[in-house]
Amino acid sequence: MNATVRDVMTTTVVAVKRDATFKEMAATLRRYRVSALPVVDDAGHVIGVVSEADLLAKEALADPGAVAGLLHHKDVRKAEGLTAGDLMTRPPVTGSSRPPG
């Protein structure tokens, strides 16, 4: 199989700003049926990514139990955040649709 990024990517990119709340991010993920959101600065540059996994880690801490016990210390600190800027994974890993050169 020779699939490329173009074959599997979403063509409409939905992003959030650093100050987006947990509720706003969850609603946006659901509305657009995506599993992650780029986080952009005021100039529109991607500064991080918030994924469903990031939001689930936060929820696991809200109801401590077996799942919360599986989180690493770094994940626990991150999951205590309130905004996209707190929860995002950084630096973002991006790819170009253009061939190098």
N, C-alpha and C. Protein backbone atom coordinates (compact mmCIF):
# COMPACT_ATOMS: atom_id res chain seq x y z
N MET A 1 0.84 -1.18 0.00
CA MET A 1 0.00 0.00 0.00
C MET A 1 0.89 1.24 0.00
N ASN A 2 0.64 2.13 -0.90
CA ASN A 2 1.42 3.35 -1.03
C ASN A 2 0.57 4.57 -0.73
N ALA A 3 -0.07 4.58 0.43
CA ALA A 3 -0.90 5.72 0.81
C ALA A 3 -0.02 6.91 1.17
N THR A 4 -0.49 8.08 0.83
CA THR A 4 0.21 9.30 1.19
C THR A 4 -0.63 10.08 2.19
N VAL A 5 -0.05 11.11 2.75
CA VAL A 5 -0.79 11.97 3.68
C VAL A 5 -2.05 12.49 2.99
N ARG A 6 -1.94 12.88 1.75
CA ARG A 6 -3.08 13.41 1.00
C ARG A 6 -4.25 12.42 0.99
N ASP A 7 -3.96 11.12 0.99
CA ASP A 7 -5.00 10.10 0.94
C ASP A 7 -5.82 10.02 2.23
N VAL A 8 -5.25 10.42 3.34
CA VAL A 8 -5.93 10.24 4.64
C VAL A 8 -6.19 11.53 5.40
N MET A 9 -5.72 12.65 4.88
CA MET A 9 -5.84 13.90 5.63
C MET A 9 -7.23 14.51 5.53
N THR A 10 -7.55 15.33 6.51
CA THR A 10 -8.76 16.15 6.49
C THR A 10 -8.42 17.41 5.71
N THR A 11 -9.31 17.80 4.81
CA THR A 11 -9.00 18.96 3.98
C THR A 11 -9.42 20.28 4.63
N THR A 12 -10.34 20.22 5.56
CA THR A 12 -10.75 21.42 6.29
C THR A 12 -10.06 21.39 7.65
N VAL A 13 -9.12 22.28 7.86
CA VAL A 13 -8.38 22.31 9.11
C VAL A 13 -9.11 23.18 10.12
N VAL A 14 -9.34 22.63 11.29
CA VAL A 14 -9.99 23.35 12.37
C VAL A 14 -8.96 23.48 13.48
N ALA A 15 -8.70 24.70 13.90
CA ALA A 15 -7.68 24.94 14.93
C ALA A 15 -8.30 25.71 16.09
N VAL A 16 -7.61 25.70 17.21
CA VAL A 16 -8.02 26.48 18.38
C VAL A 16 -6.88 27.37 18.81
N LYS A 17 -7.22 28.43 19.53
CA LYS A 17 -6.21 29.32 20.10
C LYS A 17 -5.75 28.77 21.44
N ARG A 18 -4.64 29.28 21.91
CA ARG A 18 -4.02 28.83 23.16
C ARG A 18 -4.97 28.91 24.36
N ASP A 19 -5.90 29.87 24.35
CA ASP A 19 -6.78 30.06 25.51
C ASP A 19 -8.11 29.30 25.41
N ALA A 20 -8.27 28.42 24.41
CA ALA A 20 -9.50 27.62 24.28
C ALA A 20 -9.66 26.75 25.52
N THR A 21 -10.89 26.64 26.01
CA THR A 21 -11.16 25.84 27.21
C THR A 21 -11.36 24.37 26.85
N PHE A 22 -11.32 23.53 27.87
CA PHE A 22 -11.57 22.10 27.70
C PHE A 22 -12.91 21.88 26.99
N LYS A 23 -13.94 22.55 27.47
CA LYS A 23 -15.28 22.39 26.91
C LYS A 23 -15.32 22.81 25.44
N GLU A 24 -14.67 23.91 25.11
CA GLU A 24 -14.62 24.37 23.72
C GLU A 24 -13.89 23.36 22.84
N MET A 25 -12.78 22.83 23.34
CA MET A 25 -12.03 21.86 22.54
C MET A 25 -12.83 20.58 22.34
N ALA A 26 -13.46 20.08 23.39
CA ALA A 26 -14.26 18.85 23.27
C ALA A 26 -15.40 19.05 22.27
N ALA A 27 -16.07 20.20 22.33
CA ALA A 27 -17.16 20.48 21.41
C ALA A 27 -16.66 20.57 19.97
N THR A 28 -15.50 21.17 19.77
CA THR A 28 -14.94 21.31 18.42
C THR A 28 -14.54 19.95 17.86
N LEU A 29 -13.91 19.11 18.67
CA LEU A 29 -13.55 17.76 18.23
C LEU A 29 -14.80 17.00 17.78
N ARG A 30 -15.84 17.10 18.57
CA ARG A 30 -17.08 16.39 18.25
C ARG A 30 -17.75 16.96 17.00
N ARG A 31 -17.85 18.27 16.94
CA ARG A 31 -18.53 18.93 15.83
C ARG A 31 -17.90 18.58 14.49
N TYR A 32 -16.57 18.59 14.44
CA TYR A 32 -15.88 18.37 13.18
C TYR A 32 -15.41 16.92 12.99
N ARG A 33 -15.70 16.07 13.98
CA ARG A 33 -15.36 14.64 13.91
C ARG A 33 -13.88 14.42 13.59
N VAL A 34 -13.04 15.10 14.37
CA VAL A 34 -11.60 14.93 14.26
C VAL A 34 -11.07 14.45 15.61
N SER A 35 -9.87 13.93 15.63
CA SER A 35 -9.32 13.39 16.88
C SER A 35 -8.23 14.28 17.48
N ALA A 36 -7.90 15.37 16.80
CA ALA A 36 -6.88 16.29 17.32
C ALA A 36 -7.08 17.66 16.69
N LEU A 37 -6.58 18.66 17.40
CA LEU A 37 -6.69 20.05 16.93
C LEU A 37 -5.34 20.74 17.01
N PRO A 38 -4.92 21.40 15.95
CA PRO A 38 -3.73 22.24 16.06
C PRO A 38 -4.05 23.43 16.97
N VAL A 39 -3.08 23.84 17.73
CA VAL A 39 -3.21 25.04 18.56
C VAL A 39 -2.36 26.11 17.88
N VAL A 40 -2.98 27.27 17.60
CA VAL A 40 -2.28 28.31 16.87
C VAL A 40 -2.13 29.58 17.71
N ASP A 41 -1.07 30.33 17.40
CA ASP A 41 -0.86 31.62 18.06
C ASP A 41 -1.64 32.69 17.31
N ASP A 42 -1.52 33.94 17.73
CA ASP A 42 -2.28 35.03 17.11
C ASP A 42 -1.94 35.24 15.64
N ALA A 43 -0.75 34.80 15.22
CA ALA A 43 -0.35 34.94 13.82
C ALA A 43 -0.78 33.74 12.98
N GLY A 44 -1.42 32.75 13.62
CA GLY A 44 -1.87 31.57 12.89
C GLY A 44 -0.83 30.47 12.77
N HIS A 45 0.30 30.61 13.45
CA HIS A 45 1.33 29.58 13.42
C HIS A 45 1.00 28.46 14.39
N VAL A 46 1.19 27.23 13.97
CA VAL A 46 0.92 26.07 14.83
C VAL A 46 1.98 26.01 15.92
N ILE A 47 1.52 26.00 17.17
CA ILE A 47 2.44 25.96 18.32
C ILE A 47 2.30 24.68 19.12
N GLY A 48 1.30 23.88 18.80
CA GLY A 48 1.10 22.63 19.51
C GLY A 48 -0.11 21.90 18.96
N VAL A 49 -0.42 20.76 19.58
CA VAL A 49 -1.57 19.94 19.17
C VAL A 49 -2.25 19.41 20.42
N VAL A 50 -3.57 19.49 20.45
CA VAL A 50 -4.35 18.88 21.52
C VAL A 50 -5.12 17.72 20.91
N SER A 51 -4.96 16.54 21.49
CA SER A 51 -5.62 15.35 20.97
C SER A 51 -6.69 14.85 21.95
N GLU A 52 -7.49 13.91 21.48
CA GLU A 52 -8.46 13.28 22.36
C GLU A 52 -7.77 12.66 23.56
N ALA A 53 -6.58 12.11 23.35
CA ALA A 53 -5.83 11.50 24.45
C ALA A 53 -5.48 12.52 25.52
N ASP A 54 -5.16 13.73 25.12
CA ASP A 54 -4.85 14.80 26.08
C ASP A 54 -6.09 15.12 26.92
N LEU A 55 -7.25 15.18 26.27
CA LEU A 55 -8.49 15.48 26.98
C LEU A 55 -8.90 14.32 27.88
N LEU A 56 -8.68 13.09 27.43
CA LEU A 56 -9.01 11.92 28.25
C LEU A 56 -8.15 11.86 29.50
N ALA A 57 -6.89 12.23 29.38
CA ALA A 57 -6.00 12.23 30.55
C ALA A 57 -6.52 13.22 31.59
N LYS A 58 -7.00 14.36 31.13
CA LYS A 58 -7.56 15.36 32.04
C LYS A 58 -8.80 14.79 32.72
N GLU A 59 -9.67 14.15 31.98
CA GLU A 59 -10.88 13.56 32.55
C GLU A 59 -10.56 12.44 33.53
N ALA A 60 -9.51 11.69 33.26
CA ALA A 60 -9.12 10.60 34.17
C ALA A 60 -8.76 11.16 35.54
N LEU A 61 -8.17 12.34 35.57
CA LEU A 61 -7.82 12.96 36.85
C LEU A 61 -9.04 13.50 37.58
N ALA A 62 -10.09 13.86 36.82
CA ALA A 62 -11.30 14.39 37.44
C ALA A 62 -12.01 13.31 38.25
N ASP A 63 -11.85 12.06 37.86
CA ASP A 63 -12.47 10.94 38.56
C ASP A 63 -11.39 9.90 38.84
N PRO A 64 -10.55 10.17 39.86
CA PRO A 64 -9.42 9.28 40.13
C PRO A 64 -9.86 7.83 40.30
N GLY A 65 -9.11 6.98 39.71
CA GLY A 65 -9.39 5.55 39.76
C GLY A 65 -8.25 4.81 39.09
N ALA A 66 -8.56 3.68 38.55
CA ALA A 66 -7.53 2.84 37.92
C ALA A 66 -6.86 3.55 36.75
N VAL A 67 -7.61 4.26 35.93
CA VAL A 67 -7.03 4.91 34.76
C VAL A 67 -6.06 6.01 35.18
N ALA A 68 -6.44 6.82 36.16
CA ALA A 68 -5.58 7.91 36.61
C ALA A 68 -4.26 7.37 37.12
N GLY A 69 -4.27 6.19 37.72
CA GLY A 69 -3.05 5.59 38.23
C GLY A 69 -2.07 5.19 37.14
N LEU A 70 -2.54 5.09 35.91
CA LEU A 70 -1.69 4.69 34.80
C LEU A 70 -0.96 5.87 34.16
N LEU A 71 -1.35 7.09 34.49
CA LEU A 71 -0.74 8.27 33.90
C LEU A 71 0.67 8.49 34.45
N HIS A 72 1.57 8.90 33.59
CA HIS A 72 2.92 9.26 34.00
C HIS A 72 2.89 10.62 34.68
N HIS A 73 3.89 10.92 35.52
CA HIS A 73 3.93 12.19 36.24
C HIS A 73 3.84 13.39 35.29
N LYS A 74 4.53 13.31 34.15
CA LYS A 74 4.48 14.40 33.18
C LYS A 74 3.05 14.60 32.67
N ASP A 75 2.36 13.49 32.41
CA ASP A 75 0.99 13.57 31.93
C ASP A 75 0.06 14.15 33.00
N VAL A 76 0.32 13.83 34.25
CA VAL A 76 -0.51 14.35 35.34
C VAL A 76 -0.37 15.86 35.42
N ARG A 77 0.85 16.37 35.35
CA ARG A 77 1.05 17.82 35.38
C ARG A 77 0.33 18.50 34.22
N LYS A 78 0.47 17.92 33.04
CA LYS A 78 -0.15 18.49 31.85
C LYS A 78 -1.68 18.43 31.97
N ALA A 79 -2.21 17.33 32.48
CA ALA A 79 -3.65 17.14 32.57
C ALA A 79 -4.30 18.06 33.59
N GLU A 80 -3.51 18.65 34.47
CA GLU A 80 -4.07 19.60 35.43
C GLU A 80 -4.36 20.95 34.78
N GLY A 81 -3.96 21.13 33.53
CA GLY A 81 -4.17 22.38 32.82
C GLY A 81 -5.62 22.66 32.52
N LEU A 82 -5.91 23.90 32.18
CA LEU A 82 -7.28 24.34 31.92
C LEU A 82 -7.54 24.74 30.48
N THR A 83 -6.48 25.05 29.73
CA THR A 83 -6.64 25.57 28.38
C THR A 83 -5.85 24.74 27.37
N ALA A 84 -6.06 25.04 26.10
CA ALA A 84 -5.31 24.36 25.04
C ALA A 84 -3.81 24.55 25.25
N GLY A 85 -3.41 25.76 25.66
CA GLY A 85 -2.00 26.03 25.91
C GLY A 85 -1.41 25.14 26.99
N ASP A 86 -2.22 24.79 27.98
CA ASP A 86 -1.77 23.92 29.06
C ASP A 86 -1.73 22.45 28.63
N LEU A 87 -2.72 22.04 27.86
CA LEU A 87 -2.91 20.62 27.53
C LEU A 87 -2.18 20.17 26.27
N MET A 88 -1.78 21.11 25.44
CA MET A 88 -1.22 20.75 24.13
C MET A 88 0.13 20.03 24.24
N THR A 89 0.38 19.23 23.23
CA THR A 89 1.67 18.59 23.07
C THR A 89 2.50 19.51 22.20
N ARG A 90 3.73 19.74 22.63
CA ARG A 90 4.61 20.62 21.87
C ARG A 90 6.03 20.08 21.94
N PRO A 91 6.82 20.36 20.97
CA PRO A 91 6.51 21.10 19.75
C PRO A 91 5.66 20.25 18.82
N PRO A 92 4.91 20.89 17.93
CA PRO A 92 4.08 20.12 17.00
C PRO A 92 4.98 19.43 15.96
N VAL A 93 4.55 18.25 15.56
CA VAL A 93 5.22 17.55 14.46
C VAL A 93 4.36 17.75 13.25
N THR A 94 4.91 18.38 12.23
CA THR A 94 4.14 18.68 11.03
C THR A 94 4.80 18.05 9.82
N GLY A 95 4.04 17.95 8.77
CA GLY A 95 4.56 17.44 7.51
C GLY A 95 4.17 18.35 6.39
N SER A 96 4.92 18.35 5.35
CA SER A 96 4.63 19.18 4.20
C SER A 96 4.07 18.32 3.09
N SER A 97 3.08 18.83 2.39
CA SER A 97 2.53 18.10 1.25
C SER A 97 3.37 18.30 -0.01
N ARG A 98 4.36 19.16 0.09
CA ARG A 98 5.25 19.42 -1.04
C ARG A 98 6.51 18.57 -0.94
N PRO A 99 6.97 18.05 -2.04
CA PRO A 99 8.23 17.30 -1.99
C PRO A 99 9.40 18.21 -1.62
N PRO A 100 10.39 17.69 -0.90
CA PRO A 100 11.53 18.53 -0.55
C PRO A 100 12.27 19.01 -1.78
N GLY A 101 12.89 20.16 -1.65
CA GLY A 101 13.69 20.63 -2.77
C GLY A 101 13.45 21.99 -3.05
